Amino acid sequence: CVPALSALVQIQDMAILSPFSLLADVANLSGTAAVFFQDFSAFHHHEIIKTYDFSSWLYVTAVAVYSLEGVGMVLPLETSCIKR
């Protein structure tokens, strides 16, 4: 895996990497679909649904910060592509 990634890092033209981006998008969508399928298949209405559970606020905050951290990496990359 490392030699293949090392070869991809050496490519300077972003247009050549677009098929790999498409492959990554397909992998992300299929992973998300698998998670949703497993979540909804195990979901039953036997319990009372809580509107908000304050015991998991730390986890939710951590996921939000992690997600927003990735945006800070993507936006400069997009601007550098526009300038070229």
C-alpha atoms as a PDB file:
ATOM      1  CA  CYS A   1       0.000   0.000   0.000  1.00  0.00           C
ATOM      2  CA  VAL A   2       2.806   2.426   0.880  1.00  0.00           C
ATOM      3  CA  PRO A   3       4.634   2.128  -2.487  1.00  0.00           C
ATOM      4  CA  ALA A   4       1.393   2.828  -4.379  1.00  0.00           C
ATOM      5  CA  LEU A   5       0.629   5.873  -2.233  1.00  0.00           C
ATOM      6  CA  SER A   6       4.222   7.086  -2.594  1.00  0.00           C
ATOM      7  CA  ALA A   7       3.864   6.931  -6.378  1.00  0.00           C
ATOM      8  CA  LEU A   8       0.561   8.843  -6.287  1.00  0.00           C
ATOM      9  CA  VAL A   9       2.075  11.588  -4.136  1.00  0.00           C
ATOM     10  CA  GLN A  10       4.711  12.292  -6.803  1.00  0.00           C
ATOM     11  CA  ILE A  11       2.080  13.207  -9.427  1.00  0.00           C
ATOM     12  CA  GLN A  12       1.844  16.985  -9.746  1.00  0.00           C
ATOM     13  CA  ASP A  13      -1.009  17.278 -12.256  1.00  0.00           C
ATOM     14  CA  MET A  14      -4.375  17.124 -10.465  1.00  0.00           C
ATOM     15  CA  ALA A  15      -6.231  16.014 -13.606  1.00  0.00           C
ATOM     16  CA  ILE A  16      -4.410  12.687 -13.562  1.00  0.00           C
ATOM     17  CA  LEU A  17      -5.629  12.037 -10.000  1.00  0.00           C
ATOM     18  CA  SER A  18      -9.330  12.551 -10.797  1.00  0.00           C
ATOM     19  CA  PRO A  19     -10.109   8.813 -11.299  1.00  0.00           C
ATOM     20  CA  PHE A  20      -8.689   8.127  -7.833  1.00  0.00           C
ATOM     21  CA  SER A  21     -10.901  10.871  -6.433  1.00  0.00           C
ATOM     22  CA  LEU A  22     -13.918   9.245  -8.061  1.00  0.00           C
ATOM     23  CA  LEU A  23     -12.909   5.898  -6.575  1.00  0.00           C
ATOM     24  CA  ALA A  24     -12.605   7.517  -3.131  1.00  0.00           C
ATOM     25  CA  ASP A  25     -16.076   9.074  -3.508  1.00  0.00           C
ATOM     26  CA  VAL A  26     -17.568   5.694  -4.408  1.00  0.00           C
ATOM     27  CA  ALA A  27     -15.840   4.102  -1.399  1.00  0.00           C
ATOM     28  CA  ASN A  28     -17.166   6.852   0.904  1.00  0.00           C
ATOM     29  CA  LEU A  29     -20.722   6.480  -0.409  1.00  0.00           C
ATOM     30  CA  SER A  30     -20.687   2.701  -0.135  1.00  0.00           C
ATOM     31  CA  GLY A  31     -19.305   2.889   3.411  1.00  0.00           C
ATOM     32  CA  THR A  32     -21.977   5.397   4.408  1.00  0.00           C
ATOM     33  CA  ALA A  33     -24.672   3.241   2.832  1.00  0.00           C
ATOM     34  CA  ALA A  34     -23.402   0.186   4.729  1.00  0.00           C
ATOM     35  CA  VAL A  35     -23.487   2.066   8.034  1.00  0.00           C
ATOM     36  CA  PHE A  36     -27.003   3.372   7.411  1.00  0.00           C
ATOM     37  CA  PHE A  37     -28.200  -0.098   6.362  1.00  0.00           C
ATOM     38  CA  GLN A  38     -26.840  -1.677   9.541  1.00  0.00           C
ATOM     39  CA  ASP A  39     -28.225   1.125  11.713  1.00  0.00           C
ATOM     40  CA  PHE A  40     -31.721   0.943  10.260  1.00  0.00           C
ATOM     41  CA  SER A  41     -31.827  -2.850  10.222  1.00  0.00           C
ATOM     42  CA  ALA A  42     -31.107  -2.933  13.976  1.00  0.00           C
ATOM     43  CA  PHE A  43     -33.490  -0.073  14.784  1.00  0.00           C
ATOM     44  CA  HIS A  44     -36.714  -1.096  16.515  1.00  0.00           C
ATOM     45  CA  HIS A  45     -39.467   1.063  17.994  1.00  0.00           C
ATOM     46  CA  HIS A  46     -39.732  -0.906  21.223  1.00  0.00           C
ATOM     47  CA  GLU A  47     -38.233   1.864  23.330  1.00  0.00           C
ATOM     48  CA  ILE A  48     -39.277   5.407  24.077  1.00  0.00           C
ATOM     49  CA  ILE A  49     -37.393   7.758  21.752  1.00  0.00           C
ATOM     50  CA  LYS A  50     -35.521  10.501  23.591  1.00  0.00           C
ATOM     51  CA  THR A  51     -35.465  13.914  21.978  1.00  0.00           C
ATOM     52  CA  TYR A  52     -31.977  14.676  23.259  1.00  0.00           C
ATOM     53  CA  ASP A  53     -29.536  12.693  25.336  1.00  0.00           C
ATOM     54  CA  PHE A  54     -27.090  14.917  27.200  1.00  0.00           C
ATOM     55  CA  SER A  55     -24.782  12.008  28.027  1.00  0.00           C
ATOM     56  CA  SER A  56     -23.299  11.962  24.506  1.00  0.00           C
ATOM     57  CA  TRP A  57     -22.642  15.683  23.991  1.00  0.00           C
ATOM     58  CA  LEU A  58     -18.861  15.202  24.234  1.00  0.00           C
ATOM     59  CA  TYR A  59     -18.897  12.610  21.444  1.00  0.00           C
ATOM     60  CA  VAL A  60     -21.075  14.810  19.221  1.00  0.00           C
ATOM     61  CA  THR A  61     -18.795  17.798  19.815  1.00  0.00           C
ATOM     62  CA  ALA A  62     -15.699  15.741  18.967  1.00  0.00           C
ATOM     63  CA  VAL A  63     -17.247  14.499  15.707  1.00  0.00           C
ATOM     64  CA  ALA A  64     -18.238  18.050  14.732  1.00  0.00           C
ATOM     65  CA  VAL A  65     -14.745  19.407  15.415  1.00  0.00           C
ATOM     66  CA  TYR A  66     -13.156  16.532  13.488  1.00  0.00           C
ATOM     67  CA  SER A  67     -15.449  17.165  10.513  1.00  0.00           C
ATOM     68  CA  LEU A  68     -14.793  20.889  10.460  1.00  0.00           C
ATOM     69  CA  GLU A  69     -11.053  20.268  10.691  1.00  0.00           C
ATOM     70  CA  GLY A  70     -11.170  18.496   7.327  1.00  0.00           C
ATOM     71  CA  VAL A  71     -12.884  21.506   5.719  1.00  0.00           C
ATOM     72  CA  GLY A  72      -9.864  23.632   6.645  1.00  0.00           C
ATOM     73  CA  MET A  73      -7.680  21.324   4.598  1.00  0.00           C
ATOM     74  CA  VAL A  74      -9.939  21.076   1.541  1.00  0.00           C
ATOM     75  CA  LEU A  75     -10.649  24.775   0.973  1.00  0.00           C
ATOM     76  CA  PRO A  76      -6.992  25.855   0.461  1.00  0.00           C
ATOM     77  CA  LEU A  77      -6.547  22.924  -1.918  1.00  0.00           C
ATOM     78  CA  GLU A  78      -9.510  24.052  -4.004  1.00  0.00           C
ATOM     79  CA  THR A  79      -8.211  27.624  -4.152  1.00  0.00           C
ATOM     80  CA  SER A  80      -4.797  26.438  -5.286  1.00  0.00           C
ATOM     81  CA  CYS A  81      -6.478  24.441  -8.079  1.00  0.00           C
ATOM     82  CA  ILE A  82      -8.451  27.472  -9.219  1.00  0.00           C
ATOM     83  CA  LYS A  83      -5.271  29.580  -9.474  1.00  0.00           C
ATOM     84  CA  ARG A  84      -3.653  27.079 -11.835  1.00  0.00           C
END
